[in-house]
Amino acid sequence: MEDSGTILCQISSLKDMLDQVNEEIEANIQATREIESQIVKCTEVKSALAARESELMRTAYALQFEIDGLMRVHADSETSLKHLDEKICCLRTRRDEILMSMNNRRDAFMASCLAFQNEVSVKDNDEVCTLLAEKKLLQNEVRSLNKKTKALESSTTAFVEEVLEDLQQAKSALDVEIRSGNIENEKLLKDIDEIKRTLSSLMLARTQEMQVSGAGNVFSSADQ
């Protein structure tokens, strides 16, 4: 009887231990499920962050391409402005040469007229009058030509100043767009770095949780 009672006590004790082991196994299974759920959530967050990073990288590449285009346009504008300056200098040189040639011819003509007038006698007064009339007509034409030349010079100067002002405004607008693109690009790069840091933190947290869970299982096995 005493042996039977001892056996029953041992069986009861073993049953209690078995129940305790089953409870620990169930708790470990529940903890494992929770860890797996957290891993799934972390994977989803990682996928979303990776998609966001990809989108930001595409946007950064697009902005960089746009900035490169603006830089090329800016360089082309600088080249066009340089060529226009050279052309304006050539036009001014040509204008000065034409004016000098006209003045020389006018002076030579007037000198010839004066010399001829001094050589003409009184009896050729009618012919002199005709020549003087022609001289006056030529002088009027010279004055008219001078007025046209000045008007052309004023028009050319105004056109050149207007073109230079438009080019300067276009250059300023391009500089503003380039600076804005650079600021946006730097902001995107900062967002990408922040996403990378977030991913690293999530992966580190998941690793620590798995390590803690593994340590808990080891301790439970040791207790058993």
Protein backbone atom coordinates (compact mmCIF):
# COMPACT_ATOMS: atom_id res chain seq x y z
CA MET A 1 0.00 0.00 0.00
CA GLU A 2 2.78 2.33 0.85
CA ASP A 3 4.45 1.52 -2.50
CA SER A 4 1.21 2.25 -4.34
CA GLY A 5 0.81 5.55 -2.52
CA THR A 6 4.39 6.47 -3.36
CA ILE A 7 3.84 5.57 -7.00
CA LEU A 8 0.65 7.61 -7.13
CA CYS A 9 2.45 10.57 -5.60
CA GLN A 10 5.22 10.23 -8.14
CA ILE A 11 2.68 9.97 -10.96
CA SER A 12 0.87 13.07 -9.67
CA SER A 13 4.17 14.91 -9.39
CA LEU A 14 5.14 13.85 -12.90
CA LYS A 15 1.74 14.94 -14.19
CA ASP A 16 2.16 18.35 -12.58
CA MET A 17 5.61 18.65 -14.13
CA LEU A 18 4.18 17.58 -17.49
CA ASP A 19 1.43 20.20 -17.19
CA GLN A 20 4.02 22.81 -16.32
CA VAL A 21 6.14 21.76 -19.31
CA ASN A 22 3.07 21.95 -21.56
CA GLU A 23 2.26 25.42 -20.24
CA GLU A 24 5.84 26.55 -20.89
CA ILE A 25 5.68 25.03 -24.39
CA GLU A 26 2.39 26.85 -25.04
CA ALA A 27 3.90 30.11 -23.75
CA ASN A 28 6.95 29.61 -25.98
CA ILE A 29 4.67 28.90 -28.96
CA GLN A 30 2.70 32.07 -28.22
CA ALA A 31 5.92 34.09 -27.91
CA THR A 32 7.14 32.57 -31.17
CA ARG A 33 3.90 33.57 -32.89
CA GLU A 34 4.22 37.11 -31.57
CA ILE A 35 7.84 37.28 -32.78
CA GLU A 36 6.79 35.99 -36.21
CA SER A 37 4.02 38.60 -36.34
CA GLN A 38 6.52 41.33 -35.47
CA ILE A 39 8.89 39.98 -38.13
CA VAL A 40 6.08 40.15 -40.71
CA LYS A 41 5.29 43.72 -39.66
CA CYS A 42 8.97 44.67 -39.85
CA THR A 43 9.19 43.07 -43.31
CA GLU A 44 6.16 45.09 -44.45
CA VAL A 45 7.64 48.29 -43.03
CA LYS A 46 10.96 47.46 -44.69
CA SER A 47 9.22 46.90 -48.04
CA ALA A 48 7.31 50.19 -47.73
CA LEU A 49 10.46 52.06 -46.80
CA ALA A 50 12.35 50.43 -49.67
CA ALA A 51 9.60 51.50 -52.09
CA ARG A 52 9.72 55.02 -50.66
CA GLU A 53 13.51 55.06 -51.00
CA SER A 54 13.22 53.90 -54.62
CA GLU A 55 10.67 56.63 -55.34
CA LEU A 56 12.87 59.26 -53.73
CA MET A 57 15.88 58.05 -55.70
CA ARG A 58 13.90 58.29 -58.95
CA THR A 59 12.83 61.80 -58.02
CA ALA A 60 16.44 62.71 -57.15
CA TYR A 61 17.66 61.36 -60.51
CA ALA A 62 14.92 63.31 -62.33
CA LEU A 63 15.88 66.50 -60.50
CA GLN A 64 19.55 65.90 -61.24
CA PHE A 65 18.72 65.42 -64.94
CA GLU A 66 16.69 68.65 -64.91
CA ILE A 67 19.56 70.50 -63.18
CA ASP A 68 22.01 69.19 -65.80
CA GLY A 69 19.67 70.45 -68.54
CA LEU A 70 19.45 73.85 -66.91
CA MET A 71 23.23 73.97 -66.61
CA ARG A 72 23.57 73.18 -70.32
CA VAL A 73 21.02 75.89 -71.16
CA HIS A 74 22.96 78.28 -68.93
CA ALA A 75 26.20 77.42 -70.74
CA ASP A 76 24.52 77.88 -74.12
CA SER A 77 23.18 81.26 -72.99
CA GLU A 78 26.66 82.31 -71.92
CA THR A 79 28.04 81.27 -75.32
CA SER A 80 25.26 83.10 -77.17
CA LEU A 81 25.85 86.21 -75.09
CA LYS A 82 29.57 86.09 -75.88
CA HIS A 83 28.89 85.70 -79.59
CA LEU A 84 26.40 88.56 -79.49
CA ASP A 85 28.95 90.79 -77.78
CA GLU A 86 31.49 89.95 -80.46
CA LYS A 87 28.96 90.69 -83.21
CA ILE A 88 28.04 94.01 -81.59
CA CYS A 89 31.72 94.97 -81.40
CA CYS A 90 32.10 94.15 -85.10
CA LEU A 91 29.03 96.22 -85.96
CA ARG A 92 30.33 99.17 -83.97
CA THR A 93 33.73 98.93 -85.68
CA ARG A 94 32.06 98.75 -89.08
CA ARG A 95 29.86 101.76 -88.21
CA ASP A 96 32.87 103.80 -87.14
CA GLU A 97 34.67 102.92 -90.37
CA ILE A 98 31.66 103.94 -92.45
CA LEU A 99 31.32 107.25 -90.59
CA MET A 100 35.02 107.98 -90.99
CA SER A 101 34.87 107.20 -94.70
CA MET A 102 31.81 109.45 -95.13
CA ASN A 103 33.47 112.30 -93.26
CA ASN A 104 36.64 111.97 -95.32
CA ARG A 105 34.70 111.98 -98.58
CA ARG A 106 32.63 114.94 -97.44
CA ASP A 107 35.71 116.91 -96.45
CA ALA A 108 37.41 116.05 -99.72
CA PHE A 109 34.32 117.09 -101.68
CA MET A 110 33.99 120.37 -99.82
CA ALA A 111 37.71 121.09 -100.34
CA SER A 112 37.32 120.39 -104.05
CA CYS A 113 34.28 122.66 -104.22
CA LEU A 114 36.13 125.50 -102.50
CA ALA A 115 39.16 125.10 -104.75
CA PHE A 116 36.98 125.00 -107.81
CA GLN A 117 35.04 128.07 -106.62
CA ASN A 118 38.28 130.03 -106.22
CA GLU A 119 39.45 129.09 -109.71
CA VAL A 120 36.21 129.98 -111.46
CA SER A 121 36.06 133.47 -112.94
CA VAL A 122 33.23 135.96 -112.72
CA LYS A 123 32.06 135.20 -116.25
CA ASP A 124 31.22 131.62 -115.22
CA ASN A 125 28.88 132.86 -112.48
CA ASP A 126 25.93 130.81 -113.74
CA GLU A 127 27.93 127.63 -113.70
CA VAL A 128 29.21 128.48 -110.24
CA CYS A 129 25.66 129.01 -109.02
CA THR A 130 24.71 125.64 -110.42
CA LEU A 131 27.66 124.02 -108.70
CA LEU A 132 26.86 125.81 -105.45
CA ALA A 133 23.29 124.59 -105.71
CA GLU A 134 24.54 121.07 -106.24
CA LYS A 135 26.90 121.56 -103.32
CA LYS A 136 24.01 122.66 -101.13
CA LEU A 137 21.97 119.71 -102.31
CA LEU A 138 24.84 117.38 -101.51
CA GLN A 139 25.26 118.98 -98.10
CA ASN A 140 21.56 118.46 -97.42
CA GLU A 141 21.91 114.83 -98.45
CA VAL A 142 24.94 114.49 -96.16
CA ARG A 143 22.96 115.95 -93.23
CA SER A 144 20.05 113.62 -94.01
CA LEU A 145 22.45 110.70 -94.15
CA ASN A 146 23.97 111.75 -90.82
CA LYS A 147 20.49 111.87 -89.26
CA LYS A 148 19.71 108.40 -90.61
CA THR A 149 23.06 107.16 -89.32
CA LYS A 150 22.38 108.57 -85.85
CA ALA A 151 18.87 107.09 -85.87
CA LEU A 152 20.29 103.71 -86.89
CA GLU A 153 22.93 103.98 -84.19
CA SER A 154 20.29 104.81 -81.54
CA SER A 155 18.07 101.95 -82.72
CA THR A 156 20.99 99.52 -82.71
CA THR A 157 22.07 100.62 -79.23
CA ALA A 158 18.51 100.23 -77.87
CA PHE A 159 18.20 96.79 -79.47
CA VAL A 160 21.52 95.65 -78.06
CA GLU A 161 20.64 96.91 -74.57
CA GLU A 162 17.26 95.17 -74.74
CA VAL A 163 18.85 91.89 -75.86
CA LEU A 164 21.49 92.12 -73.12
CA GLU A 165 18.80 92.82 -70.50
CA ASP A 166 16.72 89.82 -71.68
CA LEU A 167 19.77 87.57 -71.56
CA GLN A 168 20.65 88.81 -68.07
CA GLN A 169 17.09 88.13 -66.86
CA ALA A 170 17.16 84.66 -68.39
CA LYS A 171 20.51 83.99 -66.73
CA SER A 172 19.15 85.13 -63.34
CA ALA A 173 16.07 82.90 -63.74
CA LEU A 174 18.27 79.92 -64.61
CA ASP A 175 20.46 80.56 -61.55
CA VAL A 176 17.35 80.62 -59.32
CA GLU A 177 16.05 77.35 -60.81
CA ILE A 178 19.43 75.69 -60.41
CA ARG A 179 19.67 76.75 -56.74
CA SER A 180 16.10 75.52 -56.13
CA GLY A 181 16.90 72.17 -57.77
CA ASN A 182 20.03 71.77 -55.63
CA ILE A 183 18.05 72.48 -52.44
CA GLU A 184 15.38 69.92 -53.41
CA ASN A 185 18.06 67.37 -54.24
CA GLU A 186 19.75 67.86 -50.86
CA LYS A 187 16.37 67.44 -49.13
CA LEU A 188 15.75 64.16 -50.98
CA LEU A 189 19.19 62.87 -50.02
CA LYS A 190 18.46 63.71 -46.36
CA ASP A 191 15.12 61.80 -46.57
CA ILE A 192 16.93 58.79 -48.04
CA ASP A 193 19.50 58.86 -45.21
CA GLU A 194 16.68 59.07 -42.65
CA ILE A 195 14.97 56.04 -44.22
CA LYS A 196 18.22 54.09 -44.13
CA ARG A 197 18.71 54.94 -40.45
CA THR A 198 15.10 53.85 -39.71
CA LEU A 199 15.65 50.53 -41.51
CA SER A 200 18.86 49.95 -39.56
CA SER A 201 17.05 50.66 -36.26
CA LEU A 202 14.21 48.25 -37.14
CA MET A 203 16.62 45.50 -38.15
CA LEU A 204 18.64 45.99 -34.97
CA ALA A 205 15.48 45.86 -32.82
CA ARG A 206 14.31 42.69 -34.55
CA THR A 207 17.73 41.05 -34.03
CA GLN A 208 17.70 41.97 -30.34
CA GLU A 209 14.18 40.54 -29.91
CA MET A 210 15.23 37.30 -31.57
CA GLN A 211 18.30 37.10 -29.35
CA VAL A 212 16.15 37.70 -26.20
CA SER A 213 13.67 35.06 -27.33
CA GLY A 214 16.49 32.57 -27.98
CA ALA A 215 17.95 33.25 -24.55
CA GLY A 216 14.54 32.68 -22.93
CA ASN A 217 14.22 29.30 -24.67
CA VAL A 218 17.69 28.31 -23.48
CA PHE A 219 16.83 29.23 -19.88
CA SER A 220 13.55 27.27 -20.07
CA SER A 221 15.38 24.19 -21.36
CA ALA A 222 17.95 24.57 -18.59
CA ASP A 223 15.20 24.74 -15.93
CA GLN A 224 13.63 21.58 -17.29
